[in-house]
């Protein structure tokens, strides 16, 4: 029998794929909070931590480009198990690094399999869920992302404090192995992949489709606008708004919980009123959350942060729900790999622009300079606000294109 919603037992599929998302996102984020511990223990300059992120992202992009042609030809469950097992192994081995070189190699190898794991996992969810219910399903899967921020990062910090920087890598690698074993046991094996085995999916073939090009623009614009702000939001609160450093943990907990609830609500709502309307609503909430960075005082800082986190999460679900309806079944994994590539590129570009626009303010010219407010933040927030319009324009084009196709048939 073909792979279907009933065969996949969605009550098991959704938590398993959410667990994959949790592990992938936490693995990607792990070196951000642990950076000072790692650089001190391995005796390399903190500035070189950026090399590790670059290695991870670059290998993920290259792996995605190479694999687009092949991902849809393999059994999705088998491919996911192989890629996720490799991700878990190299995450574990990162904890055994003895210097920057060995850690760099481990992170690059992990990056190869991270994006592929998520592409195959999301293809499984799309395969198993009817189009009219995908928004709700994707919202549930993305719980893993929020949990990585709410629980994963604080847990990693506590593990590092208790047992050294290696312990979070060991624990996350072990968790990945456990998820692999559960997936091998609980996920059904596809019985019919013949149609995909002859798939001629390739990057040029995907990019020839106007809807795919627009989806790439939507995904890149969505991540670009978010990651202009995400890396500097906490610093802005502490340095510019004099928000207590000791209360940042609670701030992120409340923001993460609100994002989790927003994803569920807008995921379900997108199935009823369409992703464009829910994305527009989420974008308006993001704009309200940006007001402190634009020197407006419309809300208390905590409320503004909650609005930004909730709006960003809701927009992510809306974008994912809209894009899930684009690829044909024999192109889904390759399409998801392509979206991961443009997502990574959008994040890297946003990080570079954010660092460039704030570089003068962040330059440590004296010991007291670390306490100075960030400058250039309103310009950065305005750029983020304008960039947030790109996904909306793309979603409007997709909706019009899909309506025209329905009218033709």
Protein backbone atom coordinates (compact mmCIF):
# COMPACT_ATOMS: atom_id res chain seq x y z
CA UNK A 1 0.00 0.00 0.00
CA UNK A 2 1.26 3.57 -0.64
CA UNK A 3 2.48 5.79 2.14
CA UNK A 4 -0.57 7.56 3.52
CA UNK A 5 -1.85 9.45 6.52
CA UNK A 6 -3.47 6.36 8.01
CA UNK A 7 -0.39 4.20 7.43
CA UNK A 8 1.89 6.79 8.97
CA UNK A 9 -0.07 6.90 12.26
CA UNK A 10 0.15 10.70 12.53
CA UNK A 11 0.00 10.65 16.32
CA UNK A 12 3.42 9.00 16.15
CA UNK A 13 4.75 10.67 13.01
CA UNK A 14 4.29 14.26 14.18
CA UNK A 15 6.09 13.85 17.56
CA UNK A 16 8.94 11.97 15.87
CA UNK A 17 9.46 14.64 13.22
CA UNK A 18 9.15 17.37 15.88
CA UNK A 19 11.94 15.54 17.74
CA UNK A 20 14.07 15.61 14.59
CA UNK A 21 13.44 19.36 14.32
CA UNK A 22 14.33 19.83 18.00
CA UNK A 23 17.64 17.98 17.63
CA UNK A 24 18.57 19.73 14.38
CA UNK A 25 17.82 23.24 15.64
CA UNK A 26 19.54 22.70 18.99
CA UNK A 27 22.56 21.19 17.23
CA UNK A 28 22.72 24.26 14.98
CA UNK A 29 22.38 26.68 17.92
CA UNK A 30 24.55 24.81 20.41
CA UNK A 31 27.80 26.72 19.89
CA UNK A 32 26.15 30.11 20.34
CA UNK A 33 25.58 29.82 24.11
CA UNK A 34 28.56 27.48 24.61
CA UNK A 35 30.98 29.60 22.55
CA UNK A 36 32.90 31.17 25.46
CA UNK A 37 33.26 27.80 27.22
CA UNK A 38 34.47 26.07 24.04
CA UNK A 39 36.98 28.72 22.99
CA UNK A 40 38.46 28.84 26.49
CA UNK A 41 38.73 25.06 26.82
CA UNK A 42 40.22 24.53 23.34
CA UNK A 43 42.38 27.66 23.55
CA UNK A 44 41.44 29.56 20.41
CA UNK A 45 40.30 33.20 20.02
CA UNK A 46 36.54 33.74 20.47
CA UNK A 47 36.44 35.56 17.12
CA UNK A 48 37.18 32.23 15.43
CA UNK A 49 33.87 30.79 16.64
CA UNK A 50 32.38 32.29 13.47
CA UNK A 51 34.44 29.78 11.48
CA UNK A 52 32.47 26.95 13.07
CA UNK A 53 29.13 28.43 12.05
CA UNK A 54 30.44 29.12 8.56
CA UNK A 55 31.72 25.55 8.19
CA UNK A 56 28.37 24.12 9.30
CA UNK A 57 26.35 26.36 6.97
CA UNK A 58 28.67 25.95 3.97
CA UNK A 59 28.68 22.15 4.20
CA UNK A 60 24.88 22.14 4.58
CA UNK A 61 24.47 24.26 1.44
CA UNK A 62 26.90 22.14 -0.59
CA UNK A 63 25.28 18.90 0.56
CA UNK A 64 21.86 20.24 -0.39
CA UNK A 65 23.01 21.29 -3.85
CA UNK A 66 24.59 17.90 -4.49
CA UNK A 67 21.70 15.83 -3.14
CA UNK A 68 18.69 17.53 -4.76
CA UNK A 69 18.92 15.14 -7.71
CA UNK A 70 18.89 12.02 -5.49
CA UNK A 71 16.78 12.69 -2.40
CA UNK A 72 13.45 11.81 -4.01
CA UNK A 73 14.76 8.56 -5.51
CA UNK A 74 15.37 6.91 -2.14
CA UNK A 75 13.01 5.55 0.46
CA UNK A 76 12.23 8.49 2.73
CA UNK A 77 12.39 6.51 5.98
CA UNK A 78 15.70 4.85 5.07
CA UNK A 79 17.22 8.16 3.97
CA UNK A 80 16.07 9.91 7.13
CA UNK A 81 17.50 7.18 9.37
CA UNK A 82 20.89 7.26 7.62
CA UNK A 83 21.19 11.06 7.62
CA UNK A 84 19.92 11.53 11.16
CA UNK A 85 22.15 8.76 12.50
CA UNK A 86 25.14 10.48 10.85
CA UNK A 87 24.10 13.84 12.34
CA UNK A 88 23.91 12.23 15.79
CA UNK A 89 27.30 10.54 15.38
CA UNK A 90 29.14 13.68 14.33
CA UNK A 91 27.42 15.73 17.05
CA UNK A 92 28.74 13.21 19.57
CA UNK A 93 32.21 13.31 18.00
CA UNK A 94 32.24 17.13 18.22
CA UNK A 95 32.36 16.67 21.98
CA UNK A 96 35.61 14.70 21.56
CA UNK A 97 37.37 17.52 19.68
CA UNK A 98 40.81 18.42 21.02
CA UNK A 99 41.29 21.68 19.14
CA UNK A 100 39.74 24.11 16.67
CA UNK A 101 40.70 21.95 13.68
CA UNK A 102 39.01 18.77 14.87
CA UNK A 103 35.94 20.69 16.05
CA UNK A 104 35.76 22.47 12.69
CA UNK A 105 35.82 19.11 10.89
CA UNK A 106 33.13 17.63 13.15
CA UNK A 107 30.83 20.63 12.66
CA UNK A 108 31.30 20.57 8.88
CA UNK A 109 30.40 16.86 8.77
CA UNK A 110 27.38 17.48 11.00
CA UNK A 111 26.22 20.26 8.68
CA UNK A 112 26.25 17.89 5.71
CA UNK A 113 23.55 15.71 7.26
CA UNK A 114 21.54 18.30 9.21
CA UNK A 115 19.77 19.94 6.29
CA UNK A 116 19.22 16.58 4.53
CA UNK A 117 17.59 15.14 7.66
CA UNK A 118 15.11 18.02 7.88
CA UNK A 119 14.35 17.91 4.13
CA UNK A 120 13.47 14.20 4.29
CA UNK A 121 11.56 14.62 7.56
CA UNK A 122 9.39 17.42 6.19
CA UNK A 123 8.80 15.46 2.98
CA UNK A 124 7.46 12.61 5.14
CA UNK A 125 5.03 14.98 6.86
CA UNK A 126 3.84 16.47 3.56
CA UNK A 127 3.41 13.00 2.05
CA UNK A 128 1.35 11.85 5.00
CA UNK A 129 -0.92 14.88 5.41
CA UNK A 130 -3.72 16.07 3.09
CA UNK A 131 -3.20 19.64 1.79
CA UNK A 132 -6.16 20.97 3.76
CA UNK A 133 -4.58 19.84 7.06
CA UNK A 134 -0.92 20.65 6.46
CA UNK A 135 -0.93 23.98 8.27
CA UNK A 136 -1.96 22.34 11.53
CA UNK A 137 0.50 19.46 11.02
CA UNK A 138 3.42 21.79 10.28
CA UNK A 139 2.53 23.90 13.30
CA UNK A 140 2.80 20.81 15.49
CA UNK A 141 6.10 19.76 13.91
CA UNK A 142 7.55 23.20 14.56
CA UNK A 143 6.97 22.74 18.29
CA UNK A 144 10.43 21.19 18.17
CA UNK A 145 11.95 24.53 17.18
CA UNK A 146 10.35 26.37 20.10
CA UNK A 147 11.32 23.65 22.56
CA UNK A 148 14.93 23.88 21.39
CA UNK A 149 14.92 27.56 22.41
CA UNK A 150 12.78 27.21 25.55
CA UNK A 151 14.30 24.08 27.04
CA UNK A 152 17.24 22.96 24.89
CA UNK A 153 19.50 26.00 25.17
CA UNK A 154 19.06 26.45 28.96
CA UNK A 155 19.61 22.70 29.47
CA UNK A 156 22.80 22.84 27.38
CA UNK A 157 24.11 25.70 29.50
CA UNK A 158 23.40 23.80 32.71
CA UNK A 159 25.02 20.62 31.36
CA UNK A 160 28.09 22.59 30.32
CA UNK A 161 28.33 24.17 33.75
CA UNK A 162 28.01 20.81 35.48
CA UNK A 163 30.13 18.58 33.25
CA UNK A 164 32.08 20.69 30.80
CA UNK A 165 31.32 21.94 27.29
CA UNK A 166 31.51 18.40 25.88
CA UNK A 167 28.55 17.07 27.87
CA UNK A 168 25.80 18.86 25.84
CA UNK A 169 27.24 17.40 22.63
CA UNK A 170 27.34 13.91 24.13
CA UNK A 171 23.77 14.19 25.41
CA UNK A 172 22.41 15.57 22.14
CA UNK A 173 24.18 12.85 20.15
CA UNK A 174 22.72 10.19 22.44
CA UNK A 175 19.25 11.74 22.10
CA UNK A 176 19.62 11.57 18.31
CA UNK A 177 20.45 7.87 18.48
CA UNK A 178 17.37 7.26 20.64
CA UNK A 179 15.17 9.12 18.15
CA UNK A 180 16.67 7.04 15.32
CA UNK A 181 15.79 3.81 17.13
CA UNK A 182 12.23 4.99 17.77
CA UNK A 183 11.83 6.10 14.15
CA UNK A 184 13.16 2.76 12.87
CA UNK A 185 10.61 0.97 15.04
CA UNK A 186 7.56 3.21 14.67
CA UNK A 187 7.69 4.73 11.18
CA UNK A 188 6.26 2.56 8.40
CA UNK A 189 8.42 1.72 5.40
CA UNK A 190 7.16 3.08 2.11
CA UNK A 191 5.92 0.29 -0.13
CA UNK A 192 5.75 2.25 -3.37
CA UNK A 193 8.64 4.45 -4.40
CA UNK A 194 8.83 3.28 -8.02
CA UNK A 195 7.43 6.55 -9.39
CA UNK A 196 10.13 8.50 -7.56
CA UNK A 197 12.97 6.13 -8.42
CA UNK A 198 12.85 7.42 -12.00
CA UNK A 199 12.56 11.04 -10.89
CA UNK A 200 14.71 13.46 -12.84
CA UNK A 201 14.52 16.21 -10.23
CA UNK A 202 17.46 18.59 -10.46
CA UNK A 203 18.24 22.12 -9.39
CA UNK A 204 17.72 23.58 -12.90
CA UNK A 205 14.44 21.65 -13.26
CA UNK A 206 13.14 22.96 -9.94
CA UNK A 207 14.19 26.53 -10.67
CA UNK A 208 12.45 26.46 -14.05
CA UNK A 209 9.15 26.44 -12.17
CA UNK A 210 7.97 29.99 -11.34
CA UNK A 211 6.28 28.83 -8.13
CA UNK A 212 9.53 27.26 -6.89
CA UNK A 213 11.48 30.47 -7.57
CA UNK A 214 8.88 32.48 -5.67
CA UNK A 215 8.98 29.98 -2.79
CA UNK A 216 12.75 30.44 -2.59
CA UNK A 217 12.29 34.21 -2.47
CA UNK A 218 9.66 33.85 0.26
CA UNK A 219 11.84 31.56 2.37
CA UNK A 220 14.99 33.65 1.97
CA UNK A 221 13.13 36.90 2.67
CA UNK A 222 11.41 35.43 5.72
CA UNK A 223 14.65 34.24 7.34
CA UNK A 224 16.60 37.33 6.26
CA UNK A 225 14.15 39.74 7.91
CA UNK A 226 14.07 37.67 11.13
CA UNK A 227 17.82 37.15 11.49
CA UNK A 228 18.61 40.81 11.00
CA UNK A 229 17.15 41.19 14.50
CA UNK A 230 17.31 37.85 16.33
CA UNK A 231 21.09 37.90 17.05
CA UNK A 232 21.03 41.41 18.55
CA UNK A 233 17.64 41.57 20.28
CA UNK A 234 18.89 40.50 23.73
CA UNK A 235 21.93 42.83 23.53
CA UNK A 236 19.62 45.70 22.58
CA UNK A 237 17.41 45.00 25.59
CA UNK A 238 20.33 44.96 28.02
CA UNK A 239 22.46 47.78 26.55
CA UNK A 240 19.84 50.15 25.14
CA UNK A 241 16.81 49.52 27.34
CA UNK A 242 18.72 48.68 30.55
CA UNK A 243 16.78 45.44 30.86
CA UNK A 244 18.14 43.33 33.76
CA UNK A 245 20.58 40.70 32.50
CA UNK A 246 19.38 38.26 35.16
CA UNK A 247 15.85 38.34 33.71
CA UNK A 248 16.80 37.42 30.13
CA UNK A 249 16.17 33.74 30.77
CA UNK A 250 12.60 34.43 31.84
CA UNK A 251 12.16 36.75 28.87
CA UNK A 252 13.13 34.00 26.43
CA UNK A 253 10.99 31.45 28.26
CA UNK A 254 7.88 33.62 27.99
CA UNK A 255 8.70 34.55 24.39
CA UNK A 256 9.25 30.92 23.45
CA UNK A 257 6.01 29.75 25.08
CA UNK A 258 4.04 32.46 23.30
CA UNK A 259 5.68 31.51 19.99
CA UNK A 260 4.75 27.87 20.57
CA UNK A 261 1.08 28.74 21.11
CA UNK A 262 1.03 31.13 18.15
CA UNK A 263 2.35 28.44 15.82
CA UNK A 264 -0.48 26.11 16.79
CA UNK A 265 -3.18 28.75 16.35
CA UNK A 266 -1.92 30.15 13.04
CA UNK A 267 -1.06 26.69 11.72
CA UNK A 268 -4.69 25.63 12.11
CA UNK A 269 -6.00 29.02 10.98
CA UNK A 270 -3.97 28.89 7.75
CA UNK A 271 -5.89 25.75 6.78
CA UNK A 272 -9.16 27.73 6.97
CA UNK A 273 -8.37 31.23 5.73
CA UNK A 274 -5.16 30.62 3.80
CA UNK A 275 -1.45 31.21 4.52
CA UNK A 276 -1.42 34.72 3.03
CA UNK A 277 -3.87 36.12 5.59
CA UNK A 278 -2.19 34.43 8.54
CA UNK A 279 1.24 35.58 7.31
CA UNK A 280 -0.07 39.14 7.00
CA UNK A 281 -1.41 38.99 10.55
CA UNK A 282 1.88 37.56 11.84
CA UNK A 283 3.90 40.19 9.97
CA UNK A 284 1.82 42.98 11.52
CA UNK A 285 2.60 41.49 14.95
CA UNK A 286 6.32 41.40 14.06
CA UNK A 287 6.19 45.08 13.10
CA UNK A 288 4.66 45.92 16.48
CA UNK A 289 7.43 43.94 18.14
CA UNK A 290 10.03 46.01 16.31
CA UNK A 291 8.79 49.33 17.66
CA UNK A 292 11.31 49.56 20.55
CA UNK A 293 14.14 49.19 18.05
CA UNK A 294 12.62 52.05 16.04
CA UNK A 295 12.67 54.28 19.14
CA UNK A 296 8.91 54.06 19.67
CA UNK A 297 7.55 53.31 23.14
CA UNK A 298 4.24 51.67 22.36
CA UNK A 299 4.68 48.67 24.67
CA UNK A 300 6.59 47.45 27.66
CA UNK A 301 9.84 45.76 26.54
CA UNK A 302 8.66 42.26 27.51
CA UNK A 303 5.43 42.62 25.51
CA UNK A 304 7.36 43.87 22.46
CA UNK A 305 9.69 40.87 22.67
CA UNK A 306 6.73 38.48 22.97
CA UNK A 307 5.10 40.09 19.93
CA UNK A 308 8.29 39.77 17.87
CA UNK A 309 8.82 36.10 18.83
CA UNK A 310 5.17 35.20 18.30
CA UNK A 311 4.88 37.00 14.98
CA UNK A 312 8.10 35.46 13.65
CA UNK A 313 6.96 31.96 14.63
CA UNK A 314 3.52 32.47 13.12
CA UNK A 315 5.01 33.72 9.88
CA UNK A 316 7.29 30.67 9.71
CA UNK A 317 4.30 28.32 9.95
CA UNK A 318 2.35 30.27 7.33
CA UNK A 319 5.26 30.22 4.91
CA UNK A 320 5.87 26.49 5.45
CA UNK A 321 2.17 25.69 4.93
CA UNK A 322 2.07 27.64 1.67
CA UNK A 323 5.30 26.14 0.31
CA UNK A 324 4.25 22.59 1.19
CA UNK A 325 1.61 22.69 -1.57
CA UNK A 326 4.05 23.54 -4.37
CA UNK A 327 6.13 20.46 -5.18
CA UNK A 328 4.88 17.30 -6.86
CA UNK A 329 5.28 14.11 -4.74
CA UNK A 330 8.34 13.06 -6.73
CA UNK A 331 10.05 16.41 -6.03
CA UNK A 332 9.21 17.02 -2.38
CA UNK A 333 12.49 16.07 -0.69
CA UNK A 334 14.57 17.90 -3.31
CA UNK A 335 12.33 20.94 -2.99
CA UNK A 336 12.67 20.96 0.81
CA UNK A 337 16.46 20.66 0.45
CA UNK A 338 16.39 23.69 -1.86
CA UNK A 339 14.38 25.67 0.71
CA UNK A 340 16.93 24.76 3.39
CA UNK A 341 19.69 26.08 1.13
CA UNK A 342 18.06 29.46 0.55
CA UNK A 343 17.15 29.63 4.25
CA UNK A 344 20.80 29.16 5.22
CA UNK A 345 21.92 31.75 2.69
CA UNK A 346 19.31 34.23 3.94
CA UNK A 347 20.47 33.75 7.53
CA UNK A 348 24.15 34.17 6.63
CA UNK A 349 23.45 37.32 4.60
CA UNK A 350 21.34 38.79 7.41
CA UNK A 351 24.06 38.07 9.97
CA UNK A 352 26.72 39.72 7.82
CA UNK A 353 24.61 42.83 7.21
CA UNK A 354 23.63 43.06 10.87
CA UNK A 355 27.27 42.82 11.96
CA UNK A 356 28.33 45.40 9.37
CA UNK A 357 25.67 47.94 10.35
CA UNK A 358 26.49 47.60 14.05
CA UNK A 359 30.24 47.06 13.79
CA UNK A 360 31.21 50.59 14.83
CA UNK A 361 29.01 50.47 17.94
CA UNK A 362 30.29 47.04 18.93
CA UNK A 363 33.99 47.79 18.47
CA UNK A 364 35.67 47.28 21.89
CA UNK A 365 37.75 50.47 21.95
CA UNK A 366 37.91 50.45 25.77
CA UNK A 367 36.72 48.33 28.71
CA UNK A 368 33.80 50.70 29.16
CA UNK A 369 32.72 50.35 25.52
CA UNK A 370 30.95 47.07 26.24
CA UNK A 371 28.37 48.98 28.28
CA UNK A 372 27.63 51.55 25.59
CA UNK A 373 24.26 51.37 23.80
CA UNK A 374 24.19 49.86 20.34
CA UNK A 375 23.98 52.41 17.55
CA UNK A 376 22.46 51.88 14.11
CA UNK A 377 19.63 49.75 15.51
CA UNK A 378 16.73 51.85 14.09
CA UNK A 379 18.16 51.55 10.57
CA UNK A 380 18.54 47.80 11.02
CA UNK A 381 14.97 47.49 12.31
CA UNK A 382 13.66 49.53 9.39
CA UNK A 383 15.47 47.21 6.97
CA UNK A 384 13.92 44.22 8.75
CA UNK A 385 10.48 45.82 8.52
CA UNK A 386 10.85 46.39 4.77
CA UNK A 387 12.31 42.92 4.18
CA UNK A 388 9.28 41.42 5.90
CA UNK A 389 7.18 42.66 2.98
CA UNK A 390 9.00 40.31 0.57
CA UNK A 391 7.38 37.10 1.89
CA UNK A 392 3.95 38.76 1.78
CA UNK A 393 4.40 39.78 -1.85
CA UNK A 394 5.56 36.27 -2.72
CA UNK A 395 2.64 34.64 -0.92
CA UNK A 396 0.20 36.94 -2.72
CA UNK A 397 1.72 35.87 -6.05
CA UNK A 398 1.47 32.19 -5.07
CA UNK A 399 -2.17 32.54 -4.06
CA UNK A 400 -3.05 34.28 -7.33
CA UNK A 401 -1.12 31.65 -9.31
CA UNK A 402 -2.88 28.77 -7.51
CA UNK A 403 -6.31 30.37 -8.01
CA UNK A 404 -5.62 30.71 -11.74
CA UNK A 405 -4.71 27.03 -11.92
CA UNK A 406 -7.94 26.09 -10.16
CA UNK A 407 -9.98 28.21 -12.58
CA UNK A 408 -8.34 26.51 -15.55
CA UNK A 409 -9.39 23.11 -14.22
